[in-house]
Amino acid sequence: MSTATGELRAGDELLLATDALAAWLLSHPEIDSGGAGKQLGNIADLDHELFTEWVQSERDKSRMRNDDVALIRMRVKTEG
């Protein structure tokens, strides 16, 4: 387990992915350290139906394990 500290600012996002989705990201070497977060952000922008179709497509291509998949996006907003 690893931990990190820092300060969140307005406009920052935290993206949490379950293991099947996280493993998918880590299995794509073309996604560099900055690109993984961007890729997750793009996936998080999909509505529920498109997200479900994308997950099924990745499973059908044997690129994602058939396991629970969840993605949570948290955005830091300004006060007021």
N, C-alpha and C. Protein backbone atom coordinates (compact mmCIF):
# COMPACT_ATOMS: atom_id res chain seq x y z
N MET A 1 0.84 -1.17 0.00
CA MET A 1 0.00 0.00 0.00
C MET A 1 0.89 1.23 0.00
N SER A 2 0.49 2.23 -0.76
CA SER A 2 1.24 3.47 -0.78
C SER A 2 0.31 4.63 -0.44
N THR A 3 0.90 5.66 0.06
CA THR A 3 0.12 6.86 0.38
C THR A 3 0.81 8.07 -0.21
N ALA A 4 0.06 9.11 -0.38
CA ALA A 4 0.61 10.36 -0.90
C ALA A 4 -0.05 11.51 -0.16
N THR A 5 0.63 12.60 -0.09
CA THR A 5 0.05 13.79 0.51
C THR A 5 0.16 14.93 -0.48
N GLY A 6 -0.65 15.90 -0.28
CA GLY A 6 -0.62 17.06 -1.15
C GLY A 6 -1.82 17.94 -0.87
N GLU A 7 -1.96 18.93 -1.68
CA GLU A 7 -3.05 19.87 -1.51
C GLU A 7 -3.91 19.86 -2.76
N LEU A 8 -5.20 19.71 -2.58
CA LEU A 8 -6.13 19.76 -3.70
C LEU A 8 -6.53 21.20 -3.94
N ARG A 9 -6.66 21.55 -5.19
CA ARG A 9 -7.06 22.90 -5.56
C ARG A 9 -8.30 22.85 -6.42
N ALA A 10 -8.98 23.96 -6.51
CA ALA A 10 -10.17 24.05 -7.35
C ALA A 10 -9.81 23.59 -8.76
N GLY A 11 -10.63 22.73 -9.31
CA GLY A 11 -10.41 22.20 -10.65
C GLY A 11 -9.71 20.85 -10.68
N ASP A 12 -9.10 20.45 -9.55
CA ASP A 12 -8.46 19.13 -9.48
C ASP A 12 -9.52 18.04 -9.51
N GLU A 13 -9.12 16.88 -10.00
CA GLU A 13 -10.00 15.72 -10.03
C GLU A 13 -9.30 14.53 -9.41
N LEU A 14 -10.08 13.72 -8.71
CA LEU A 14 -9.61 12.44 -8.21
C LEU A 14 -10.43 11.37 -8.91
N LEU A 15 -9.74 10.39 -9.50
CA LEU A 15 -10.40 9.30 -10.20
C LEU A 15 -10.01 7.99 -9.53
N LEU A 16 -11.01 7.23 -9.09
CA LEU A 16 -10.79 5.95 -8.45
C LEU A 16 -11.36 4.85 -9.33
N ALA A 17 -10.54 3.84 -9.61
CA ALA A 17 -10.97 2.75 -10.48
C ALA A 17 -10.82 1.42 -9.73
N THR A 18 -11.77 0.51 -9.92
CA THR A 18 -11.65 -0.82 -9.34
C THR A 18 -10.59 -1.61 -10.10
N ASP A 19 -10.25 -2.77 -9.55
CA ASP A 19 -9.08 -3.50 -10.05
C ASP A 19 -9.14 -3.87 -11.52
N ALA A 20 -10.28 -4.27 -12.06
CA ALA A 20 -10.35 -4.67 -13.47
C ALA A 20 -10.04 -3.47 -14.38
N LEU A 21 -10.58 -2.31 -14.05
CA LEU A 21 -10.32 -1.12 -14.85
C LEU A 21 -8.89 -0.63 -14.64
N ALA A 22 -8.41 -0.67 -13.42
CA ALA A 22 -7.03 -0.27 -13.14
C ALA A 22 -6.05 -1.20 -13.87
N ALA A 23 -6.32 -2.49 -13.86
CA ALA A 23 -5.45 -3.44 -14.56
C ALA A 23 -5.47 -3.17 -16.05
N TRP A 24 -6.62 -2.81 -16.60
CA TRP A 24 -6.72 -2.46 -18.02
C TRP A 24 -5.79 -1.30 -18.34
N LEU A 25 -5.82 -0.26 -17.49
CA LEU A 25 -4.96 0.90 -17.71
C LEU A 25 -3.49 0.53 -17.66
N LEU A 26 -3.12 -0.28 -16.67
CA LEU A 26 -1.72 -0.66 -16.50
C LEU A 26 -1.24 -1.59 -17.61
N SER A 27 -2.15 -2.27 -18.29
CA SER A 27 -1.76 -3.21 -19.34
C SER A 27 -1.56 -2.54 -20.69
N HIS A 28 -1.75 -1.23 -20.74
CA HIS A 28 -1.58 -0.49 -21.99
C HIS A 28 -0.33 0.38 -21.89
N PRO A 29 0.82 -0.14 -22.33
CA PRO A 29 2.07 0.61 -22.20
C PRO A 29 2.08 1.92 -22.98
N GLU A 30 1.21 2.06 -23.95
CA GLU A 30 1.17 3.30 -24.72
C GLU A 30 0.61 4.47 -23.92
N ILE A 31 0.00 4.16 -22.77
CA ILE A 31 -0.53 5.21 -21.91
C ILE A 31 0.57 5.57 -20.91
N ASP A 32 1.21 6.72 -21.12
CA ASP A 32 2.29 7.12 -20.22
C ASP A 32 1.74 7.61 -18.89
N SER A 33 2.60 8.02 -17.99
CA SER A 33 2.17 8.40 -16.64
C SER A 33 1.15 9.53 -16.65
N GLY A 34 1.25 10.47 -17.56
CA GLY A 34 0.27 11.55 -17.64
C GLY A 34 -0.97 11.14 -18.41
N GLY A 35 -0.84 10.16 -19.28
CA GLY A 35 -1.95 9.76 -20.13
C GLY A 35 -2.98 8.89 -19.46
N ALA A 36 -2.57 8.16 -18.42
CA ALA A 36 -3.52 7.26 -17.75
C ALA A 36 -4.66 8.06 -17.12
N GLY A 37 -4.33 9.14 -16.46
CA GLY A 37 -5.37 9.98 -15.85
C GLY A 37 -6.27 10.60 -16.90
N LYS A 38 -5.67 11.02 -18.00
CA LYS A 38 -6.47 11.60 -19.09
C LYS A 38 -7.39 10.55 -19.68
N GLN A 39 -6.86 9.34 -19.87
CA GLN A 39 -7.69 8.25 -20.41
C GLN A 39 -8.85 7.96 -19.46
N LEU A 40 -8.57 7.89 -18.15
CA LEU A 40 -9.65 7.66 -17.19
C LEU A 40 -10.67 8.78 -17.23
N GLY A 41 -10.19 10.00 -17.38
CA GLY A 41 -11.11 11.14 -17.49
C GLY A 41 -12.01 11.02 -18.70
N ASN A 42 -11.44 10.59 -19.83
CA ASN A 42 -12.25 10.39 -21.04
C ASN A 42 -13.30 9.30 -20.82
N ILE A 43 -12.91 8.24 -20.15
CA ILE A 43 -13.85 7.16 -19.86
C ILE A 43 -14.94 7.65 -18.91
N ALA A 44 -14.55 8.46 -17.92
CA ALA A 44 -15.52 8.98 -16.95
C ALA A 44 -16.54 9.90 -17.61
N ASP A 45 -16.19 10.50 -18.75
CA ASP A 45 -17.12 11.38 -19.46
C ASP A 45 -18.23 10.63 -20.18
N LEU A 46 -18.08 9.31 -20.36
CA LEU A 46 -19.11 8.52 -21.03
C LEU A 46 -20.34 8.41 -20.14
N ASP A 47 -21.53 8.41 -20.75
CA ASP A 47 -22.72 8.17 -19.94
C ASP A 47 -22.77 6.67 -19.60
N HIS A 48 -23.69 6.30 -18.73
CA HIS A 48 -23.74 4.92 -18.22
C HIS A 48 -23.83 3.89 -19.35
N GLU A 49 -24.69 4.16 -20.33
CA GLU A 49 -24.89 3.19 -21.42
C GLU A 49 -23.61 3.03 -22.26
N LEU A 50 -22.97 4.14 -22.61
CA LEU A 50 -21.74 4.06 -23.41
C LEU A 50 -20.60 3.43 -22.61
N PHE A 51 -20.52 3.72 -21.31
CA PHE A 51 -19.51 3.11 -20.46
C PHE A 51 -19.69 1.59 -20.43
N THR A 52 -20.94 1.14 -20.26
CA THR A 52 -21.25 -0.28 -20.23
C THR A 52 -20.87 -0.94 -21.56
N GLU A 53 -21.20 -0.29 -22.67
CA GLU A 53 -20.85 -0.84 -23.99
C GLU A 53 -19.33 -0.90 -24.16
N TRP A 54 -18.61 0.12 -23.72
CA TRP A 54 -17.15 0.14 -23.83
C TRP A 54 -16.54 -0.99 -23.02
N VAL A 55 -17.01 -1.17 -21.77
CA VAL A 55 -16.50 -2.26 -20.93
C VAL A 55 -16.75 -3.60 -21.59
N GLN A 56 -17.96 -3.82 -22.10
CA GLN A 56 -18.28 -5.09 -22.74
C GLN A 56 -17.41 -5.32 -23.97
N SER A 57 -17.17 -4.27 -24.73
CA SER A 57 -16.31 -4.38 -25.91
C SER A 57 -14.89 -4.79 -25.52
N GLU A 58 -14.35 -4.20 -24.46
CA GLU A 58 -13.00 -4.57 -24.00
C GLU A 58 -12.97 -6.00 -23.49
N ARG A 59 -14.03 -6.44 -22.82
CA ARG A 59 -14.11 -7.83 -22.36
C ARG A 59 -14.19 -8.78 -23.55
N ASP A 60 -15.03 -8.44 -24.54
CA ASP A 60 -15.18 -9.29 -25.73
C ASP A 60 -13.86 -9.47 -26.47
N LYS A 61 -13.00 -8.46 -26.41
CA LYS A 61 -11.69 -8.50 -27.06
C LYS A 61 -10.62 -9.10 -26.15
N SER A 62 -11.05 -9.60 -24.99
CA SER A 62 -10.15 -10.19 -23.98
C SER A 62 -9.08 -9.21 -23.51
N ARG A 63 -9.44 -7.93 -23.49
CA ARG A 63 -8.49 -6.92 -23.02
C ARG A 63 -8.81 -6.46 -21.60
N MET A 64 -9.96 -6.91 -21.07
CA MET A 64 -10.34 -6.57 -19.69
C MET A 64 -10.95 -7.80 -19.04
N ARG A 65 -10.54 -8.04 -17.80
CA ARG A 65 -11.10 -9.17 -17.06
C ARG A 65 -12.60 -8.98 -16.86
N ASN A 66 -13.31 -10.10 -16.83
CA ASN A 66 -14.74 -10.07 -16.55
C ASN A 66 -14.91 -10.03 -15.04
N ASP A 67 -14.78 -8.85 -14.50
CA ASP A 67 -14.86 -8.62 -13.06
C ASP A 67 -15.60 -7.30 -12.86
N ASP A 68 -15.93 -7.01 -11.61
CA ASP A 68 -16.60 -5.74 -11.34
C ASP A 68 -15.78 -4.58 -11.88
N VAL A 69 -16.47 -3.61 -12.46
CA VAL A 69 -15.82 -2.41 -12.97
C VAL A 69 -16.58 -1.20 -12.45
N ALA A 70 -15.85 -0.34 -11.78
CA ALA A 70 -16.45 0.90 -11.29
C ALA A 70 -15.43 2.02 -11.40
N LEU A 71 -15.93 3.21 -11.66
CA LEU A 71 -15.09 4.39 -11.76
C LEU A 71 -15.80 5.52 -11.03
N ILE A 72 -15.09 6.14 -10.11
CA ILE A 72 -15.64 7.27 -9.35
C ILE A 72 -14.81 8.50 -9.66
N ARG A 73 -15.48 9.59 -10.00
CA ARG A 73 -14.81 10.86 -10.27
C ARG A 73 -15.23 11.87 -9.20
N MET A 74 -14.25 12.50 -8.60
CA MET A 74 -14.50 13.57 -7.63
C MET A 74 -13.81 14.82 -8.14
N ARG A 75 -14.55 15.92 -8.19
CA ARG A 75 -14.00 17.19 -8.64
C ARG A 75 -13.98 18.18 -7.50
N VAL A 76 -12.91 18.91 -7.37
CA VAL A 76 -12.80 19.94 -6.34
C VAL A 76 -13.35 21.23 -6.93
N LYS A 77 -14.34 21.78 -6.24
CA LYS A 77 -14.96 23.02 -6.71
C LYS A 77 -14.52 24.18 -5.82
N THR A 78 -14.71 25.37 -6.36
CA THR A 78 -14.41 26.55 -5.57
C THR A 78 -15.52 26.79 -4.56
N GLU A 79 -15.17 27.46 -3.49
CA GLU A 79 -16.19 27.80 -2.49
C GLU A 79 -17.10 28.88 -3.03
N GLY A 80 -18.35 28.82 -2.59
CA GLY A 80 -19.24 29.91 -2.95
C GLY A 80 -20.41 29.54 -3.70
